[in-house]
Amino acid sequence: MSTTRTMGIEVTDVSTTQRLPLGFEYHSPASPADSTTVETGSQVWVYVFNDDPTNAFVAGAVVYRLPASTTEDFFGGHATPITTHQPQVMCIGVAQHAIPTGSYGFVLKRGVGLILSGSAGVAADSPFTSGGDEVGSVLVWADDASGAWGSNISVIGHTATAIGADTTGTAYISCG
């Protein structure tokens, strides 16, 4: 099925020129898997601007909104910082391909896609959150042992299989 059916560009297109309104959502319908693909079900993609002055979005990187320090308000994204958990509402989506600084493109808000693990990896059948030890990476969610409300509130997905250290793997993502 074509992803250009209703918007004129592909979800993998990246440009330094804005081609759609920021925050535009594309809903990709489910399609049957074949012998070479993983069943992804339906997916929701969000059009964003990489407003991070330092980091390109790499495949699997969690992208969050930082309206106070972006030029594009709620859809100028930054790669999530190291060891800082973001509330789910602040996570716009997860990059599924590279989006350089100063460029526009789509991130996956909901559905099956790639995530980037930190150095600890992510165990099979685990919920995960932002705030891994690499920019944009995730880590396994754990109950807040310290009792300080908010340190691990950003559960943004779930794995089916284990994902090794500092690598990408497939998971169900649910941001925003």
N, C-alpha and C. Protein backbone atom coordinates (compact mmCIF):
# COMPACT_ATOMS: atom_id res chain seq x y z
N MET A 1 0.85 -1.18 0.00
CA MET A 1 0.00 0.00 0.00
C MET A 1 0.89 1.24 0.00
N SER A 2 0.53 2.22 -0.74
CA SER A 2 1.33 3.44 -0.86
C SER A 2 1.10 4.38 0.32
N THR A 3 2.19 4.95 0.83
CA THR A 3 2.07 5.93 1.91
C THR A 3 1.89 7.34 1.35
N THR A 4 1.82 7.49 0.05
CA THR A 4 1.63 8.82 -0.54
C THR A 4 0.18 9.06 -0.91
N ARG A 5 -0.70 8.13 -0.60
CA ARG A 5 -2.09 8.19 -1.01
C ARG A 5 -2.78 9.49 -0.62
N THR A 6 -2.55 10.00 0.58
CA THR A 6 -3.29 11.17 1.03
C THR A 6 -2.43 12.38 1.34
N MET A 7 -1.12 12.29 1.24
CA MET A 7 -0.31 13.43 1.66
C MET A 7 0.75 13.87 0.66
N GLY A 8 1.03 13.10 -0.35
CA GLY A 8 1.96 13.53 -1.39
C GLY A 8 3.42 13.22 -1.15
N ILE A 9 3.77 12.74 0.05
CA ILE A 9 5.15 12.34 0.33
C ILE A 9 5.14 11.01 1.08
N GLU A 10 6.29 10.38 1.15
CA GLU A 10 6.43 9.12 1.88
C GLU A 10 6.79 9.40 3.34
N VAL A 11 6.49 8.47 4.25
CA VAL A 11 6.87 8.66 5.65
C VAL A 11 8.38 8.60 5.82
N THR A 12 9.10 8.13 4.84
CA THR A 12 10.57 8.07 4.91
C THR A 12 11.23 9.30 4.28
N ASP A 13 10.45 10.21 3.68
CA ASP A 13 11.03 11.41 3.07
C ASP A 13 11.53 12.37 4.14
N VAL A 14 12.70 12.93 3.92
CA VAL A 14 13.31 13.92 4.81
C VAL A 14 13.72 15.10 3.95
N SER A 15 13.48 16.32 4.44
CA SER A 15 13.78 17.52 3.65
C SER A 15 14.12 18.68 4.56
N THR A 16 14.92 19.62 4.05
CA THR A 16 15.18 20.85 4.79
C THR A 16 14.09 21.87 4.52
N THR A 17 13.15 21.53 3.65
CA THR A 17 12.00 22.37 3.34
C THR A 17 10.74 21.73 3.92
N GLN A 18 9.95 22.51 4.63
CA GLN A 18 8.71 22.00 5.20
C GLN A 18 7.72 21.68 4.09
N ARG A 19 7.20 20.44 4.08
CA ARG A 19 6.30 20.01 3.03
C ARG A 19 4.88 19.72 3.51
N LEU A 20 4.68 19.68 4.82
CA LEU A 20 3.38 19.45 5.43
C LEU A 20 3.30 20.29 6.70
N PRO A 21 2.10 20.51 7.23
CA PRO A 21 2.01 21.22 8.51
C PRO A 21 2.66 20.39 9.62
N LEU A 22 3.39 21.05 10.51
CA LEU A 22 3.98 20.34 11.64
C LEU A 22 2.87 19.76 12.51
N GLY A 23 3.07 18.55 12.97
CA GLY A 23 2.05 17.86 13.76
C GLY A 23 1.09 17.04 12.91
N PHE A 24 1.19 17.15 11.58
CA PHE A 24 0.35 16.35 10.69
C PHE A 24 0.53 14.88 11.03
N GLU A 25 -0.57 14.15 11.15
CA GLU A 25 -0.50 12.72 11.43
C GLU A 25 -0.96 11.92 10.22
N TYR A 26 -0.18 10.92 9.89
CA TYR A 26 -0.54 9.98 8.83
C TYR A 26 -0.84 8.65 9.48
N HIS A 27 -1.99 8.08 9.18
CA HIS A 27 -2.40 6.79 9.72
C HIS A 27 -2.20 5.74 8.63
N SER A 28 -1.23 4.89 8.84
CA SER A 28 -0.91 3.83 7.90
C SER A 28 -1.71 2.59 8.27
N PRO A 29 -2.57 2.11 7.37
CA PRO A 29 -3.39 0.95 7.71
C PRO A 29 -2.55 -0.32 7.83
N ALA A 30 -3.08 -1.27 8.55
CA ALA A 30 -2.41 -2.56 8.68
C ALA A 30 -2.39 -3.26 7.33
N SER A 31 -1.32 -3.97 7.09
CA SER A 31 -1.24 -4.78 5.87
C SER A 31 -0.65 -6.13 6.26
N PRO A 32 -1.02 -7.17 5.55
CA PRO A 32 -0.53 -8.50 5.94
C PRO A 32 0.98 -8.62 5.76
N ALA A 33 1.60 -9.33 6.68
CA ALA A 33 3.04 -9.58 6.58
C ALA A 33 3.28 -10.66 5.52
N ASP A 34 4.45 -10.63 4.94
CA ASP A 34 4.86 -11.73 4.07
C ASP A 34 6.07 -12.40 4.71
N SER A 35 6.74 -13.26 4.00
CA SER A 35 7.84 -14.02 4.60
C SER A 35 9.05 -13.16 4.95
N THR A 36 9.09 -11.90 4.48
CA THR A 36 10.25 -11.05 4.75
C THR A 36 9.96 -9.89 5.68
N THR A 37 8.72 -9.74 6.15
CA THR A 37 8.39 -8.60 6.99
C THR A 37 7.76 -9.04 8.31
N VAL A 38 7.82 -8.16 9.28
CA VAL A 38 7.17 -8.37 10.57
C VAL A 38 5.78 -7.75 10.50
N GLU A 39 4.80 -8.39 11.08
CA GLU A 39 3.44 -7.85 11.13
C GLU A 39 3.47 -6.58 11.97
N THR A 40 3.13 -5.44 11.38
CA THR A 40 3.21 -4.18 12.12
C THR A 40 1.86 -3.65 12.55
N GLY A 41 0.78 -4.17 12.02
CA GLY A 41 -0.52 -3.59 12.32
C GLY A 41 -0.57 -2.17 11.77
N SER A 42 -1.51 -1.38 12.25
CA SER A 42 -1.57 0.01 11.78
C SER A 42 -0.51 0.84 12.51
N GLN A 43 -0.15 1.96 11.90
CA GLN A 43 0.86 2.85 12.49
C GLN A 43 0.38 4.30 12.37
N VAL A 44 0.79 5.12 13.33
CA VAL A 44 0.52 6.56 13.30
C VAL A 44 1.87 7.27 13.26
N TRP A 45 2.04 8.13 12.25
CA TRP A 45 3.28 8.88 12.03
C TRP A 45 2.99 10.36 12.24
N VAL A 46 3.95 11.11 12.82
CA VAL A 46 3.80 12.55 13.07
C VAL A 46 4.93 13.29 12.35
N TYR A 47 4.56 14.36 11.64
CA TYR A 47 5.52 15.18 10.91
C TYR A 47 6.13 16.21 11.87
N VAL A 48 7.47 16.20 11.97
CA VAL A 48 8.18 17.04 12.93
C VAL A 48 9.36 17.76 12.27
N PHE A 49 9.93 18.68 13.02
CA PHE A 49 11.15 19.37 12.63
C PHE A 49 12.23 19.01 13.65
N ASN A 50 13.41 18.62 13.18
CA ASN A 50 14.52 18.34 14.10
C ASN A 50 15.14 19.67 14.50
N ASP A 51 14.76 20.14 15.67
CA ASP A 51 15.20 21.42 16.21
C ASP A 51 16.33 21.25 17.22
N ASP A 52 16.87 20.04 17.30
CA ASP A 52 17.96 19.75 18.22
C ASP A 52 19.25 20.34 17.65
N PRO A 53 19.91 21.24 18.34
CA PRO A 53 21.10 21.88 17.79
C PRO A 53 22.32 20.96 17.69
N THR A 54 22.26 19.81 18.35
CA THR A 54 23.43 18.94 18.44
C THR A 54 23.23 17.58 17.79
N ASN A 55 22.04 17.03 17.87
CA ASN A 55 21.84 15.62 17.52
C ASN A 55 20.91 15.41 16.34
N ALA A 56 21.40 14.66 15.36
CA ALA A 56 20.51 14.14 14.33
C ALA A 56 19.65 13.07 14.98
N PHE A 57 18.45 12.86 14.47
CA PHE A 57 17.64 11.75 14.94
C PHE A 57 18.12 10.51 14.20
N VAL A 58 18.56 9.50 14.92
CA VAL A 58 18.97 8.23 14.31
C VAL A 58 17.81 7.25 14.42
N ALA A 59 17.82 6.21 13.62
CA ALA A 59 16.77 5.20 13.68
C ALA A 59 16.68 4.65 15.10
N GLY A 60 15.47 4.67 15.66
CA GLY A 60 15.24 4.15 17.00
C GLY A 60 15.31 5.18 18.11
N ALA A 61 15.70 6.42 17.79
CA ALA A 61 15.84 7.46 18.82
C ALA A 61 14.48 8.05 19.21
N VAL A 62 14.25 8.15 20.52
CA VAL A 62 13.03 8.78 21.02
C VAL A 62 13.16 10.29 20.83
N VAL A 63 12.10 10.89 20.30
CA VAL A 63 12.06 12.33 20.02
C VAL A 63 11.01 12.95 20.94
N TYR A 64 11.41 14.03 21.64
CA TYR A 64 10.44 14.66 22.54
C TYR A 64 10.31 16.14 22.22
N ARG A 65 9.20 16.71 22.69
CA ARG A 65 8.94 18.14 22.47
C ARG A 65 9.52 18.94 23.61
N LEU A 66 10.10 20.08 23.25
CA LEU A 66 10.68 21.00 24.23
C LEU A 66 10.28 22.40 23.78
N PRO A 67 8.99 22.75 23.94
CA PRO A 67 8.47 23.98 23.34
C PRO A 67 9.17 25.26 23.77
N ALA A 68 9.72 25.31 24.97
CA ALA A 68 10.35 26.54 25.45
C ALA A 68 11.66 26.84 24.72
N SER A 69 12.29 25.83 24.13
CA SER A 69 13.58 26.09 23.50
C SER A 69 13.64 25.63 22.05
N THR A 70 12.49 25.58 21.40
CA THR A 70 12.48 25.23 19.99
C THR A 70 11.89 26.37 19.18
N THR A 71 12.21 26.39 17.91
CA THR A 71 11.64 27.41 17.04
C THR A 71 10.32 26.96 16.45
N GLU A 72 9.97 25.70 16.63
CA GLU A 72 8.75 25.16 16.03
C GLU A 72 7.73 24.71 17.07
N ASP A 73 7.72 25.35 18.22
CA ASP A 73 6.76 25.09 19.29
C ASP A 73 6.63 23.61 19.63
N PHE A 74 5.43 23.06 19.49
CA PHE A 74 5.17 21.71 19.97
C PHE A 74 5.68 20.60 19.08
N PHE A 75 6.10 20.89 17.87
CA PHE A 75 6.56 19.84 16.96
C PHE A 75 7.97 20.08 16.47
N GLY A 76 8.72 20.90 17.21
CA GLY A 76 10.16 21.01 17.02
C GLY A 76 10.78 20.05 18.01
N GLY A 77 11.31 18.94 17.53
CA GLY A 77 11.75 17.89 18.42
C GLY A 77 13.22 17.92 18.76
N HIS A 78 13.54 17.28 19.85
CA HIS A 78 14.91 17.05 20.31
C HIS A 78 15.04 15.56 20.59
N ALA A 79 16.24 15.00 20.41
CA ALA A 79 16.49 13.63 20.84
C ALA A 79 16.47 13.61 22.36
N THR A 80 15.84 12.60 22.95
CA THR A 80 15.72 12.59 24.40
C THR A 80 17.09 12.55 25.07
N PRO A 81 17.23 13.31 26.14
CA PRO A 81 18.54 13.40 26.81
C PRO A 81 18.89 12.12 27.58
N ILE A 82 20.15 11.99 27.89
CA ILE A 82 20.66 10.83 28.63
C ILE A 82 20.15 10.86 30.06
N THR A 83 19.66 9.73 30.53
CA THR A 83 19.18 9.48 31.90
C THR A 83 18.11 10.45 32.39
N THR A 84 17.41 11.09 31.49
CA THR A 84 16.30 11.96 31.88
C THR A 84 15.02 11.39 31.29
N HIS A 85 14.12 10.96 32.16
CA HIS A 85 12.86 10.37 31.71
C HIS A 85 11.90 11.48 31.31
N GLN A 86 11.23 11.30 30.19
CA GLN A 86 10.25 12.27 29.73
C GLN A 86 8.85 11.70 29.94
N PRO A 87 7.90 12.51 30.41
CA PRO A 87 6.52 12.04 30.49
C PRO A 87 6.04 11.62 29.10
N GLN A 88 5.19 10.64 29.04
CA GLN A 88 4.71 10.12 27.76
C GLN A 88 4.15 11.23 26.87
N VAL A 89 3.45 12.18 27.44
CA VAL A 89 2.85 13.26 26.66
C VAL A 89 3.91 14.13 25.97
N MET A 90 5.13 14.16 26.50
CA MET A 90 6.19 14.95 25.88
C MET A 90 6.92 14.20 24.77
N CYS A 91 6.75 12.89 24.71
CA CYS A 91 7.41 12.08 23.66
C CYS A 91 6.55 12.15 22.40
N ILE A 92 7.10 12.75 21.35
CA ILE A 92 6.36 12.88 20.09
C ILE A 92 6.32 11.55 19.37
N GLY A 93 7.44 10.85 19.34
CA GLY A 93 7.52 9.59 18.63
C GLY A 93 8.94 9.07 18.62
N VAL A 94 9.17 8.06 17.79
CA VAL A 94 10.48 7.45 17.68
C VAL A 94 10.90 7.49 16.21
N ALA A 95 12.08 8.03 15.95
CA ALA A 95 12.59 8.10 14.57
C ALA A 95 12.78 6.68 14.02
N GLN A 96 12.37 6.48 12.79
CA GLN A 96 12.54 5.18 12.14
C GLN A 96 13.60 5.23 11.05
N HIS A 97 14.14 6.41 10.85
CA HIS A 97 15.21 6.65 9.87
C HIS A 97 15.89 7.95 10.30
N ALA A 98 17.05 8.23 9.73
CA ALA A 98 17.80 9.44 10.11
C ALA A 98 17.07 10.70 9.67
N ILE A 99 17.03 11.68 10.57
CA ILE A 99 16.52 13.01 10.27
C ILE A 99 17.56 13.99 10.81
N PRO A 100 18.35 14.59 9.92
CA PRO A 100 19.42 15.50 10.37
C PRO A 100 18.87 16.74 11.07
N THR A 101 19.71 17.38 11.87
CA THR A 101 19.36 18.64 12.50
C THR A 101 18.94 19.63 11.42
N GLY A 102 17.87 20.37 11.67
CA GLY A 102 17.38 21.37 10.71
C GLY A 102 16.55 20.78 9.59
N SER A 103 16.11 19.53 9.73
CA SER A 103 15.32 18.88 8.68
C SER A 103 13.95 18.46 9.19
N TYR A 104 13.05 18.25 8.25
CA TYR A 104 11.68 17.82 8.53
C TYR A 104 11.53 16.36 8.16
N GLY A 105 10.69 15.64 8.89
CA GLY A 105 10.40 14.25 8.56
C GLY A 105 9.39 13.67 9.52
N PHE A 106 9.08 12.41 9.33
CA PHE A 106 8.10 11.71 10.16
C PHE A 106 8.77 10.86 11.23
N VAL A 107 8.16 10.83 12.41
CA VAL A 107 8.54 9.90 13.47
C VAL A 107 7.31 9.04 13.78
N LEU A 108 7.55 7.83 14.26
CA LEU A 108 6.46 6.90 14.56
C LEU A 108 5.91 7.19 15.95
N LYS A 109 4.64 7.57 16.00
CA LYS A 109 3.97 7.86 17.27
C LYS A 109 3.40 6.59 17.90
N ARG A 110 2.81 5.73 17.06
CA ARG A 110 2.19 4.52 17.60
C ARG A 110 2.26 3.40 16.57
N GLY A 111 2.63 2.23 17.04
CA GLY A 111 2.70 1.05 16.19
C GLY A 111 4.01 0.32 16.38
N VAL A 112 4.22 -0.73 15.62
CA VAL A 112 5.44 -1.52 15.71
C VAL A 112 6.54 -0.84 14.92
N GLY A 113 7.70 -0.67 15.56
CA GLY A 113 8.84 -0.03 14.90
C GLY A 113 10.12 -0.29 15.66
N LEU A 114 11.17 0.41 15.25
CA LEU A 114 12.48 0.26 15.86
C LEU A 114 12.65 1.16 17.08
N ILE A 115 13.36 0.63 18.09
CA ILE A 115 13.80 1.45 19.22
C ILE A 115 15.30 1.24 19.39
N LEU A 116 15.95 2.22 19.99
CA LEU A 116 17.39 2.18 20.25
C LEU A 116 17.60 1.90 21.73
N SER A 117 18.33 0.82 22.04
CA SER A 117 18.59 0.50 23.45
C SER A 117 19.86 1.18 23.91
N GLY A 118 19.95 1.37 25.22
CA GLY A 118 21.18 1.86 25.82
C GLY A 118 22.12 0.70 26.08
N SER A 119 23.14 0.93 26.88
CA SER A 119 24.17 -0.10 27.11
C SER A 119 23.65 -1.31 27.88
N ALA A 120 22.52 -1.18 28.56
CA ALA A 120 21.99 -2.32 29.32
C ALA A 120 21.12 -3.23 28.45
N GLY A 121 20.77 -2.79 27.25
CA GLY A 121 19.85 -3.57 26.44
C GLY A 121 18.44 -3.51 27.01
N VAL A 122 17.52 -4.20 26.36
CA VAL A 122 16.14 -4.26 26.83
C VAL A 122 15.72 -5.72 26.80
N ALA A 123 15.25 -6.22 27.92
CA ALA A 123 14.87 -7.63 28.03
C ALA A 123 13.61 -7.92 27.23
N ALA A 124 13.41 -9.18 26.91
CA ALA A 124 12.19 -9.62 26.23
C ALA A 124 10.98 -9.35 27.11
N ASP A 125 9.86 -9.05 26.47
CA ASP A 125 8.59 -8.86 27.16
C ASP A 125 8.69 -7.80 28.25
N SER A 126 9.27 -6.63 27.89
CA SER A 126 9.50 -5.56 28.86
C SER A 126 8.90 -4.24 28.42
N PRO A 127 8.25 -3.52 29.34
CA PRO A 127 7.90 -2.14 29.04
C PRO A 127 9.18 -1.30 29.09
N PHE A 128 9.21 -0.22 28.33
CA PHE A 128 10.40 0.64 28.35
C PHE A 128 10.01 2.10 28.39
N THR A 129 10.99 2.92 28.74
CA THR A 129 10.82 4.35 28.90
C THR A 129 11.98 5.07 28.21
N SER A 130 11.87 6.37 28.06
CA SER A 130 12.99 7.16 27.54
C SER A 130 14.02 7.32 28.66
N GLY A 131 15.17 7.87 28.32
CA GLY A 131 16.16 8.17 29.35
C GLY A 131 17.26 7.15 29.49
N GLY A 132 17.57 6.43 28.42
CA GLY A 132 18.70 5.50 28.45
C GLY A 132 20.02 6.24 28.56
N ASP A 133 21.11 5.51 28.55
CA ASP A 133 22.42 6.13 28.73
C ASP A 133 23.08 6.55 27.42
N GLU A 134 22.33 6.55 26.34
CA GLU A 134 22.76 7.09 25.04
C GLU A 134 21.69 8.08 24.61
N VAL A 135 22.06 9.14 23.91
CA VAL A 135 21.06 10.12 23.45
C VAL A 135 19.99 9.40 22.64
N GLY A 136 18.73 9.61 23.00
CA GLY A 136 17.60 9.03 22.28
C GLY A 136 17.28 7.59 22.63
N SER A 137 18.07 6.96 23.51
CA SER A 137 17.86 5.54 23.78
C SER A 137 16.81 5.30 24.87
N VAL A 138 16.37 4.05 24.94
CA VAL A 138 15.38 3.63 25.92
C VAL A 138 16.03 2.72 26.95
N LEU A 139 15.30 2.49 28.04
CA LEU A 139 15.71 1.52 29.03
C LEU A 139 14.48 0.86 29.60
N VAL A 140 14.66 -0.30 30.21
CA VAL A 140 13.55 -1.04 30.79
C VAL A 140 12.93 -0.20 31.89
N TRP A 141 11.61 -0.12 31.88
CA TRP A 141 10.89 0.61 32.91
C TRP A 141 10.94 -0.18 34.21
N ALA A 142 11.08 0.54 35.32
CA ALA A 142 11.08 -0.09 36.64
C ALA A 142 10.26 0.77 37.58
N ASP A 143 9.64 0.15 38.54
CA ASP A 143 8.89 0.92 39.54
C ASP A 143 9.83 1.90 40.22
N ASP A 144 9.29 3.00 40.65
CA ASP A 144 10.08 4.06 41.27
C ASP A 144 10.49 3.66 42.68
N ALA A 145 11.68 3.09 42.81
CA ALA A 145 12.16 2.61 44.10
C ALA A 145 12.33 3.73 45.12
N SER A 146 12.64 4.93 44.67
CA SER A 146 12.89 6.02 45.60
C SER A 146 11.60 6.65 46.12
N GLY A 147 10.51 6.38 45.46
CA GLY A 147 9.24 6.97 45.86
C GLY A 147 9.05 8.39 45.37
N ALA A 148 10.02 8.93 44.64
CA ALA A 148 9.89 10.30 44.11
C ALA A 148 9.03 10.26 42.85
N TRP A 149 7.81 10.74 42.95
CA TRP A 149 6.87 10.70 41.83
C TRP A 149 7.50 11.27 40.57
N GLY A 150 7.42 10.53 39.49
CA GLY A 150 7.83 11.06 38.20
C GLY A 150 9.14 10.58 37.65
N SER A 151 9.95 9.84 38.41
CA SER A 151 11.25 9.48 37.85
C SER A 151 11.16 8.42 36.76
N ASN A 152 10.13 7.61 36.76
CA ASN A 152 9.97 6.58 35.72
C ASN A 152 8.53 6.53 35.22
N ILE A 153 7.98 7.65 34.79
CA ILE A 153 6.57 7.67 34.40
C ILE A 153 6.34 7.58 32.91
N SER A 154 7.39 7.48 32.13
CA SER A 154 7.24 7.57 30.70
C SER A 154 7.28 6.22 29.99
N VAL A 155 6.40 5.31 30.36
CA VAL A 155 6.34 4.05 29.64
C VAL A 155 5.80 4.36 28.25
N ILE A 156 6.63 4.12 27.23
CA ILE A 156 6.25 4.47 25.86
C ILE A 156 6.24 3.27 24.92
N GLY A 157 6.37 2.07 25.46
CA GLY A 157 6.32 0.91 24.58
C GLY A 157 6.61 -0.38 25.29
N HIS A 158 6.64 -1.46 24.47
CA HIS A 158 6.82 -2.79 25.01
C HIS A 158 7.53 -3.66 23.98
N THR A 159 8.49 -4.46 24.45
CA THR A 159 9.22 -5.36 23.55
C THR A 159 8.55 -6.73 23.51
N ALA A 160 8.78 -7.44 22.43
CA ALA A 160 8.38 -8.85 22.34
C ALA A 160 9.60 -9.75 22.52
N THR A 161 10.74 -9.28 22.02
CA THR A 161 11.98 -10.05 22.13
C THR A 161 13.06 -9.17 22.74
N ALA A 162 14.12 -9.78 23.21
CA ALA A 162 15.23 -9.03 23.80
C ALA A 162 15.94 -8.20 22.74
N ILE A 163 16.44 -7.04 23.14
CA ILE A 163 17.21 -6.16 22.26
C ILE A 163 18.56 -5.95 22.94
N GLY A 164 19.63 -6.26 22.23
CA GLY A 164 20.97 -6.18 22.79
C GLY A 164 21.41 -4.76 23.12
N ALA A 165 22.51 -4.65 23.80
CA ALA A 165 23.08 -3.36 24.20
C ALA A 165 23.45 -2.52 23.00
N ASP A 166 23.13 -1.23 23.07
CA ASP A 166 23.52 -0.24 22.06
C ASP A 166 23.15 -0.66 20.64
N THR A 167 21.94 -1.15 20.47
CA THR A 167 21.48 -1.58 19.15
C THR A 167 20.01 -1.27 18.99
N THR A 168 19.48 -1.48 17.80
CA THR A 168 18.05 -1.28 17.57
C THR A 168 17.35 -2.62 17.52
N GLY A 169 16.08 -2.60 17.88
CA GLY A 169 15.25 -3.79 17.81
C GLY A 169 13.81 -3.37 17.65
N THR A 170 12.97 -4.33 17.39
CA THR A 170 11.54 -4.08 17.12
C THR A 170 10.74 -4.12 18.41
N ALA A 171 9.81 -3.18 18.53
CA ALA A 171 8.96 -3.09 19.70
C ALA A 171 7.65 -2.40 19.33
N TYR A 172 6.65 -2.47 20.22
CA TYR A 172 5.43 -1.70 20.06
C TYR A 172 5.65 -0.36 20.74
N ILE A 173 5.37 0.73 20.03
CA ILE A 173 5.59 2.09 20.51
C ILE A 173 4.26 2.80 20.70
N SER A 174 4.13 3.56 21.79
CA SER A 174 2.92 4.35 22.02
C SER A 174 3.33 5.66 22.71
N CYS A 175 3.52 6.69 21.92
CA CYS A 175 3.95 8.00 22.44
C CYS A 175 2.81 9.01 22.39
N GLY A 176 3.01 10.15 23.05
CA GLY A 176 2.09 11.27 22.97
C GLY A 176 0.84 11.00 23.67
